[in-house]
Amino acid sequence: MARIERVELIMVDLRPKVRRVDAIQSFVSQETPIVRIFDADGAVGTGYSYTIGTGGPAVMSLLARTLAPALIGREALGIERIWRDLLFLTHATSVGAITSIALAAIDTALWDLKARRLGLPLHVLAGGAQRAIPLYTTEGGWLHLEAGALVDDALAARAAGFRGCKLKVGRPLHEDVARIAAVREAVGPGWEIFTDANQAFHVDEAIRRARAYEALDIGWLEEPLPADDLSGHQRLVAHTSTPVAVGESLYSHLHFREYLERHACSVVQVDVGRVGGITPWLKVAHMAECFNIAVAPHFLMELHVNLCAAVPNARWVEYIPQLDTITTEGMRIEDGQALPSDRPGLGIEWDFDAISRLAVAGSAGVIGA
């Protein structure tokens, strides 16, 4: 075992290759903090997280001024202890998005370092429960697209082997129903269609819409309400047979506990980049398993495929490619399923030359020797 000697920080801003519009925003930017941790024996771990358009400089400041300095001299393999100590160190700003995103960048780097030291891929080190996870695509389901484009994308995705697609909702109800119905008619009954409201509705409207979607046999209604409306989610789940998915906007594993205990969701979409890293992600996944609830994480497919393969209750990986410009290899896909990497570490092959070229000005820094 060896102690941490140096931490390198950098941030890139990755812009989507397609236009992404949902019920509350247009997704035009992905600020991506990247952390590299070096121990005294020469082992290196690389981790990352993300924001959508804003908050990246605040994350980098928290990393540079508070969290990264606290790593120097720590035993790198003591991941649970480090995660808890850093959470306590930032207790005045926890639970919160900026803190959780910063913690995630460090925690994923520590898991990468540990897996590389042990010569194990992440999915094996973290559990090794599954060999492949079904994929659904979100890339052709954005809210600004008309029904014909949604149908064309769904048919192309099905032909390519995907097992389902996700459509954004948030237009007037009759338009949403018509758009979903057009895709359902095109793909038939044996293909999954998921919907995502991005927290756009009040509870009465969510109940009304969920009931209208029931006849279309959708796989779930995602983020129908603001994430802090726990009682509203309880009421919604009690009034519809449509599965309700939550988790993208929850920043603590304890918040997931509340949703599960109160039967306020049907699917857990815990996001490693938002919940604070792999350490709390695994807590949430195993907690959901105890409630017989499936995990279908939000975004970050290149990392989540390996975590989904680690646990038995992961059901789906969401296909939204975002790291292509800063990696040398993409996620493996066979027969509509995502396959975890068998290489030691997180399974992400970073292109550090590209990262250096795309770095946000002033974001790079080194803490320690």
Protein backbone atom coordinates (compact mmCIF):
# COMPACT_ATOMS: atom_id res chain seq x y z
CA MET A 1 0.00 0.00 0.00
CA ALA A 2 1.17 3.54 -0.71
CA ARG A 3 0.18 7.06 0.15
CA ILE A 4 -1.09 9.75 -2.20
CA GLU A 5 1.64 12.14 -3.31
CA ARG A 6 0.08 14.25 -6.05
CA VAL A 7 -3.30 15.25 -7.47
CA GLU A 8 -3.73 16.77 -10.92
CA LEU A 9 -6.87 18.69 -11.87
CA ILE A 10 -8.21 19.79 -15.25
CA MET A 11 -11.61 20.51 -16.81
CA VAL A 12 -12.86 20.17 -20.37
CA ASP A 13 -16.13 21.44 -21.79
CA LEU A 14 -17.72 18.84 -24.06
CA ARG A 15 -20.41 20.11 -26.41
CA PRO A 16 -23.02 17.62 -27.67
CA LYS A 17 -22.87 16.57 -31.30
CA VAL A 18 -26.67 16.76 -31.61
CA ARG A 19 -29.14 19.34 -30.34
CA ARG A 20 -30.55 18.27 -26.97
CA VAL A 21 -33.75 19.90 -25.73
CA ASP A 22 -35.99 18.71 -22.90
CA ALA A 23 -38.93 20.18 -21.01
CA ILE A 24 -36.84 22.62 -18.96
CA GLN A 25 -33.60 23.34 -20.82
CA SER A 26 -31.39 23.02 -23.86
CA PHE A 27 -28.31 20.91 -23.09
CA VAL A 28 -25.49 22.73 -24.89
CA SER A 29 -22.47 22.03 -22.71
CA GLN A 30 -20.97 19.40 -20.42
CA GLU A 31 -18.30 20.75 -18.10
CA THR A 32 -16.19 17.73 -17.16
CA PRO A 33 -13.81 17.95 -14.18
CA ILE A 34 -11.05 15.33 -14.44
CA VAL A 35 -8.92 14.25 -11.46
CA ARG A 36 -5.71 12.19 -11.58
CA ILE A 37 -4.37 10.78 -8.30
CA PHE A 38 -0.77 9.51 -8.01
CA ASP A 39 0.51 7.37 -5.14
CA ALA A 40 4.05 6.84 -3.89
CA ASP A 41 4.44 3.55 -5.77
CA GLY A 42 3.63 5.16 -9.11
CA ALA A 43 0.04 3.95 -9.41
CA VAL A 44 -2.33 6.43 -11.05
CA GLY A 45 -6.10 6.66 -10.99
CA THR A 46 -8.23 8.90 -13.21
CA GLY A 47 -11.74 9.98 -12.31
CA TYR A 48 -14.31 12.46 -13.53
CA SER A 49 -17.77 13.91 -13.07
CA TYR A 50 -19.80 16.56 -14.90
CA THR A 51 -22.13 19.51 -14.85
CA ILE A 52 -24.62 20.53 -17.53
CA GLY A 53 -23.52 23.96 -18.60
CA THR A 54 -22.95 25.72 -15.28
CA GLY A 55 -21.12 25.16 -12.01
CA GLY A 56 -17.89 23.70 -13.35
CA PRO A 57 -15.60 26.46 -12.05
CA ALA A 58 -17.18 26.13 -8.59
CA VAL A 59 -16.50 22.38 -8.64
CA MET A 60 -12.89 22.98 -9.67
CA SER A 61 -12.41 25.56 -6.92
CA LEU A 62 -13.73 23.15 -4.28
CA LEU A 63 -11.40 20.45 -5.59
CA ALA A 64 -8.34 22.68 -5.71
CA ARG A 65 -8.82 24.58 -2.46
CA THR A 66 -10.35 21.96 -0.16
CA LEU A 67 -10.65 18.36 -1.33
CA ALA A 68 -7.46 17.64 -3.26
CA PRO A 69 -5.14 19.08 -0.56
CA ALA A 70 -6.87 16.82 1.99
CA LEU A 71 -5.81 13.76 -0.04
CA ILE A 72 -2.06 14.30 0.22
CA GLY A 73 -0.49 11.70 2.51
CA ARG A 74 -3.64 9.55 2.70
CA GLU A 75 -3.56 5.82 2.00
CA ALA A 76 -5.10 5.59 -1.47
CA LEU A 77 -6.77 2.22 -0.97
CA GLY A 78 -8.81 3.41 2.02
CA ILE A 79 -11.58 4.62 -0.24
CA GLU A 80 -14.51 4.37 2.17
CA ARG A 81 -12.62 6.22 4.90
CA ILE A 82 -11.49 8.95 2.51
CA TRP A 83 -15.00 9.40 1.11
CA ARG A 84 -16.48 9.76 4.59
CA ASP A 85 -13.72 12.12 5.74
CA LEU A 86 -14.16 14.36 2.69
CA LEU A 87 -17.92 14.37 3.15
CA PHE A 88 -17.44 15.53 6.74
CA LEU A 89 -14.85 18.07 5.66
CA THR A 90 -17.49 19.65 3.41
CA HIS A 91 -20.42 19.14 5.78
CA ALA A 92 -21.27 22.86 5.62
CA THR A 93 -22.02 22.47 1.89
CA SER A 94 -23.46 18.96 1.96
CA VAL A 95 -25.79 17.66 0.71
CA GLY A 96 -25.47 19.70 -2.48
CA ALA A 97 -24.78 19.34 -6.16
CA ILE A 98 -21.40 21.10 -6.24
CA THR A 99 -20.02 19.07 -3.34
CA SER A 100 -21.34 15.74 -4.65
CA ILE A 101 -19.98 16.38 -8.14
CA ALA A 102 -16.55 17.22 -6.72
CA LEU A 103 -16.57 14.15 -4.47
CA ALA A 104 -17.49 11.99 -7.45
CA ALA A 105 -14.44 13.09 -9.43
CA ILE A 106 -12.14 12.09 -6.57
CA ASP A 107 -13.94 8.89 -5.63
CA THR A 108 -13.97 7.55 -9.20
CA ALA A 109 -10.23 8.28 -9.45
CA LEU A 110 -9.58 6.33 -6.25
CA TRP A 111 -11.55 3.33 -7.51
CA ASP A 112 -9.64 3.47 -10.79
CA LEU A 113 -6.32 3.55 -8.92
CA LYS A 114 -7.33 0.63 -6.70
CA ALA A 115 -8.54 -1.49 -9.61
CA ARG A 116 -5.36 -0.82 -11.57
CA ARG A 117 -3.15 -1.69 -8.58
CA LEU A 118 -5.01 -4.98 -8.17
CA GLY A 119 -5.10 -5.69 -11.91
CA LEU A 120 -8.90 -5.97 -11.93
CA PRO A 121 -11.61 -4.38 -14.06
CA LEU A 122 -14.05 -2.27 -12.06
CA HIS A 123 -17.03 -4.54 -12.72
CA VAL A 124 -15.17 -7.49 -11.18
CA LEU A 125 -13.75 -5.55 -8.24
CA ALA A 126 -17.17 -4.11 -7.40
CA GLY A 127 -19.14 -7.35 -7.65
CA GLY A 128 -19.02 -9.10 -11.03
CA ALA A 129 -22.74 -9.88 -11.21
CA GLN A 130 -23.54 -9.56 -14.94
CA ARG A 131 -21.80 -10.01 -18.28
CA ALA A 132 -23.83 -7.51 -20.36
CA ILE A 133 -26.56 -4.90 -19.89
CA PRO A 134 -29.33 -4.02 -22.39
CA LEU A 135 -29.07 -0.59 -24.03
CA TYR A 136 -31.69 2.03 -24.77
CA THR A 137 -31.00 5.24 -26.66
CA THR A 138 -31.96 8.80 -25.78
CA GLU A 139 -30.11 10.55 -28.61
CA GLY A 140 -33.08 10.68 -31.01
CA GLY A 141 -35.87 11.43 -28.56
CA TRP A 142 -35.41 15.13 -27.78
CA LEU A 143 -38.42 17.39 -27.25
CA HIS A 144 -37.84 19.71 -30.22
CA LEU A 145 -38.06 16.81 -32.70
CA GLU A 146 -41.32 16.10 -34.49
CA ALA A 147 -43.07 12.73 -34.49
CA GLY A 148 -41.67 11.65 -37.84
CA ALA A 149 -38.10 12.15 -36.66
CA LEU A 150 -38.83 10.22 -33.45
CA VAL A 151 -40.20 7.31 -35.47
CA ASP A 152 -37.25 7.29 -37.86
CA ASP A 153 -34.77 7.26 -34.99
CA ALA A 154 -36.61 4.53 -33.09
CA LEU A 155 -36.73 2.29 -36.15
CA ALA A 156 -33.04 2.90 -36.84
CA ALA A 157 -32.18 2.13 -33.23
CA ARG A 158 -34.18 -1.08 -33.28
CA ALA A 159 -32.47 -2.13 -36.51
CA ALA A 160 -29.11 -1.44 -34.87
CA GLY A 161 -29.98 -3.82 -32.03
CA PHE A 162 -30.99 -1.41 -29.28
CA ARG A 163 -33.65 -2.76 -26.92
CA GLY A 164 -35.53 0.53 -26.43
CA CYS A 165 -35.57 4.32 -26.71
CA LYS A 166 -36.44 7.31 -24.55
CA LEU A 167 -38.70 10.17 -25.59
CA LYS A 168 -38.77 13.54 -23.88
CA VAL A 169 -42.22 14.74 -22.81
CA GLY A 170 -43.46 18.15 -21.78
CA ARG A 171 -45.43 19.40 -24.75
CA PRO A 172 -49.23 19.76 -24.39
CA LEU A 173 -50.62 16.40 -23.32
CA HIS A 174 -52.33 15.57 -26.62
CA GLU A 175 -49.05 16.22 -28.47
CA ASP A 176 -47.05 14.02 -26.12
CA VAL A 177 -49.58 11.21 -26.46
CA ALA A 178 -49.56 11.50 -30.26
CA ARG A 179 -45.75 11.43 -30.38
CA ILE A 180 -45.50 8.38 -28.14
CA ALA A 181 -48.32 6.66 -30.02
CA ALA A 182 -46.59 7.22 -33.36
CA VAL A 183 -43.43 5.53 -32.09
CA ARG A 184 -45.39 2.70 -30.47
CA GLU A 185 -47.27 2.02 -33.69
CA ALA A 186 -44.01 1.96 -35.64
CA VAL A 187 -42.00 -0.32 -33.34
CA GLY A 188 -44.83 -2.58 -32.16
CA PRO A 189 -45.46 -4.05 -28.71
CA GLY A 190 -42.16 -5.83 -28.14
CA TRP A 191 -39.86 -2.81 -27.84
CA GLU A 192 -39.44 -0.55 -24.81
CA ILE A 193 -40.38 3.12 -24.92
CA PHE A 194 -39.38 5.23 -21.93
CA THR A 195 -40.44 8.83 -21.28
CA ASP A 196 -38.67 11.65 -19.43
CA ALA A 197 -40.30 14.84 -18.10
CA ASN A 198 -37.18 16.38 -16.52
CA GLN A 199 -39.10 17.50 -13.40
CA ALA A 200 -41.53 19.63 -15.43
CA PHE A 201 -44.90 18.77 -13.84
CA HIS A 202 -46.90 19.37 -10.69
CA VAL A 203 -48.33 16.24 -9.10
CA ASP A 204 -51.91 16.56 -10.44
CA GLU A 205 -50.60 17.03 -13.96
CA ALA A 206 -48.17 14.13 -13.54
CA ILE A 207 -51.01 11.82 -12.45
CA ARG A 208 -53.11 12.89 -15.42
CA ARG A 209 -50.27 12.32 -17.85
CA ALA A 210 -49.18 9.01 -16.35
CA ARG A 211 -52.70 7.69 -16.75
CA ALA A 212 -52.82 8.90 -20.35
CA TYR A 213 -49.55 7.11 -21.07
CA GLU A 214 -50.70 3.80 -19.56
CA ALA A 215 -52.43 2.62 -22.74
CA LEU A 216 -49.19 3.15 -24.67
CA ASP A 217 -47.32 0.65 -22.46
CA ILE A 218 -44.32 2.85 -21.64
CA GLY A 219 -41.44 1.43 -19.64
CA TRP A 220 -41.37 4.34 -17.19
CA LEU A 221 -42.11 8.01 -16.62
CA GLU A 222 -38.82 9.58 -15.57
CA GLU A 223 -38.46 12.62 -13.29
CA PRO A 224 -42.14 13.59 -13.50
CA LEU A 225 -41.86 15.97 -10.52
CA PRO A 226 -39.20 18.08 -8.81
CA ALA A 227 -36.80 15.72 -7.05
CA ASP A 228 -37.51 17.26 -3.63
CA ASP A 229 -41.25 16.50 -3.86
CA LEU A 230 -41.13 13.16 -2.09
CA SER A 231 -44.78 13.16 -1.03
CA GLY A 232 -45.81 14.04 -4.58
CA HIS A 233 -43.96 11.00 -5.88
CA GLN A 234 -45.68 8.83 -3.28
CA ARG A 235 -49.05 10.10 -4.45
CA LEU A 236 -48.17 9.59 -8.12
CA VAL A 237 -46.95 6.02 -7.64
CA ALA A 238 -50.19 5.20 -5.79
CA HIS A 239 -52.34 6.52 -8.66
CA THR A 240 -50.81 4.93 -11.75
CA SER A 241 -49.62 1.61 -13.12
CA THR A 242 -46.92 3.44 -15.11
CA PRO A 243 -43.52 2.84 -13.48
CA VAL A 244 -41.97 6.00 -12.01
CA ALA A 245 -38.20 6.49 -12.35
CA VAL A 246 -36.16 8.87 -10.16
CA GLY A 247 -32.57 9.55 -9.19
CA GLU A 248 -30.87 11.77 -11.74
CA SER A 249 -31.27 14.79 -9.46
CA LEU A 250 -30.67 13.15 -6.08
CA TYR A 251 -27.28 13.96 -4.57
CA SER A 252 -27.12 11.68 -1.52
CA HIS A 253 -27.56 7.96 -0.97
CA LEU A 254 -29.77 8.87 2.01
CA HIS A 255 -32.26 10.58 -0.28
CA PHE A 256 -32.63 7.31 -2.18
CA ARG A 257 -33.31 5.57 1.13
CA GLU A 258 -36.26 7.90 1.71
CA TYR A 259 -37.71 7.23 -1.75
CA LEU A 260 -37.35 3.46 -1.30
CA GLU A 261 -38.73 3.38 2.24
CA ARG A 262 -41.79 5.38 1.22
CA HIS A 263 -42.41 3.41 -2.01
CA ALA A 264 -42.14 6.62 -4.00
CA CYS A 265 -40.44 5.16 -7.09
CA SER A 266 -40.37 2.07 -9.30
CA VAL A 267 -36.92 2.44 -10.88
CA VAL A 268 -33.73 3.96 -9.42
CA GLN A 269 -31.60 6.06 -11.80
CA VAL A 270 -28.66 6.76 -9.52
CA ASP A 271 -25.94 8.74 -11.33
CA VAL A 272 -22.36 8.19 -10.14
CA GLY A 273 -21.38 11.71 -11.17
CA ARG A 274 -24.12 13.31 -9.09
CA VAL A 275 -24.47 11.09 -6.04
CA GLY A 276 -20.85 11.54 -4.99
CA GLY A 277 -19.00 8.71 -6.69
CA ILE A 278 -18.82 4.94 -6.96
CA THR A 279 -18.80 4.45 -3.19
CA PRO A 280 -22.34 5.84 -2.64
CA TRP A 281 -23.52 4.51 -6.03
CA LEU A 282 -22.93 0.96 -4.87
CA LYS A 283 -24.72 1.67 -1.58
CA VAL A 284 -27.78 2.85 -3.51
CA ALA A 285 -27.73 -0.09 -5.93
CA HIS A 286 -27.57 -2.68 -3.16
CA MET A 287 -30.18 -0.83 -1.13
CA ALA A 288 -32.51 -0.86 -4.15
CA GLU A 289 -31.89 -4.59 -4.55
CA CYS A 290 -33.19 -5.11 -1.00
CA PHE A 291 -36.44 -3.42 -2.08
CA ASN A 292 -36.60 -5.48 -5.30
CA ILE A 293 -36.14 -2.29 -7.32
CA ALA A 294 -34.16 -2.15 -10.57
CA VAL A 295 -31.26 0.21 -11.28
CA ALA A 296 -31.09 2.03 -14.62
CA PRO A 297 -28.53 4.82 -14.15
CA HIS A 298 -28.68 8.22 -15.78
CA PHE A 299 -26.05 9.22 -18.38
CA LEU A 300 -22.25 8.44 -18.15
CA MET A 301 -22.64 5.20 -20.08
CA GLU A 302 -18.88 4.60 -20.34
CA LEU A 303 -18.63 4.33 -16.56
CA HIS A 304 -22.09 3.05 -15.70
CA VAL A 305 -21.80 -0.05 -17.89
CA ASN A 306 -19.09 -1.31 -15.56
CA LEU A 307 -21.06 -0.52 -12.42
CA CYS A 308 -24.23 -2.05 -13.84
CA ALA A 309 -22.30 -5.24 -14.56
CA ALA A 310 -21.14 -5.26 -10.93
CA VAL A 311 -24.64 -5.50 -9.40
CA PRO A 312 -27.46 -7.99 -10.02
CA ASN A 313 -30.39 -5.56 -10.24
CA ALA A 314 -29.12 -3.25 -13.00
CA ARG A 315 -31.58 -3.43 -15.89
CA TRP A 316 -30.55 -0.79 -18.48
CA VAL A 317 -27.67 1.41 -19.64
CA GLU A 318 -28.59 4.72 -21.27
CA TYR A 319 -26.87 5.36 -24.60
CA ILE A 320 -25.72 9.00 -24.81
CA PRO A 321 -22.16 9.13 -26.15
CA GLN A 322 -20.22 12.05 -24.70
CA LEU A 323 -16.59 11.09 -24.16
CA ASP A 324 -15.67 10.26 -27.77
CA THR A 325 -13.45 13.33 -28.22
CA ILE A 326 -11.32 12.61 -25.13
CA THR A 327 -11.05 8.80 -25.25
CA THR A 328 -9.25 6.44 -27.60
CA GLU A 329 -11.86 3.65 -27.48
CA GLY A 330 -15.63 3.62 -27.13
CA MET A 331 -17.91 1.42 -25.07
CA ARG A 332 -18.28 -2.10 -26.44
CA ILE A 333 -21.73 -2.93 -27.83
CA GLU A 334 -22.90 -6.35 -29.01
CA ASP A 335 -26.43 -7.38 -29.94
CA GLY A 336 -27.97 -4.29 -28.37
CA GLN A 337 -26.15 -4.76 -25.09
CA ALA A 338 -23.35 -2.83 -23.41
CA LEU A 339 -20.35 -4.91 -22.34
CA PRO A 340 -18.07 -3.92 -19.47
CA SER A 341 -14.38 -3.50 -20.12
CA ASP A 342 -12.09 -6.33 -19.06
CA ARG A 343 -9.10 -3.99 -18.64
CA PRO A 344 -7.99 -3.00 -15.13
CA GLY A 345 -9.59 0.18 -13.84
CA LEU A 346 -12.75 2.04 -14.77
CA GLY A 347 -12.64 0.72 -18.32
CA ILE A 348 -12.20 4.16 -19.89
CA GLU A 349 -9.22 4.72 -22.20
CA TRP A 350 -8.46 8.43 -21.84
CA ASP A 351 -6.77 10.51 -24.54
CA PHE A 352 -4.71 12.88 -22.38
CA ASP A 353 -3.38 14.80 -25.38
CA ALA A 354 -6.94 15.61 -26.40
CA ILE A 355 -7.83 16.51 -22.81
CA SER A 356 -4.91 18.95 -22.69
CA ARG A 357 -5.95 20.53 -26.00
CA LEU A 358 -9.59 20.92 -24.91
CA ALA A 359 -8.86 22.12 -21.37
CA VAL A 360 -10.79 25.13 -20.15
CA ALA A 361 -8.35 27.99 -19.70
CA GLY A 362 -7.12 28.27 -16.12
CA SER A 363 -8.60 24.95 -14.99
CA ALA A 364 -5.39 22.91 -14.76
CA GLY A 365 -3.62 22.58 -11.43
CA VAL A 366 -1.34 20.32 -9.41
CA ILE A 367 -1.51 19.71 -5.66
CA GLY A 368 1.37 17.96 -3.89
CA ALA A 369 4.83 16.91 -5.04
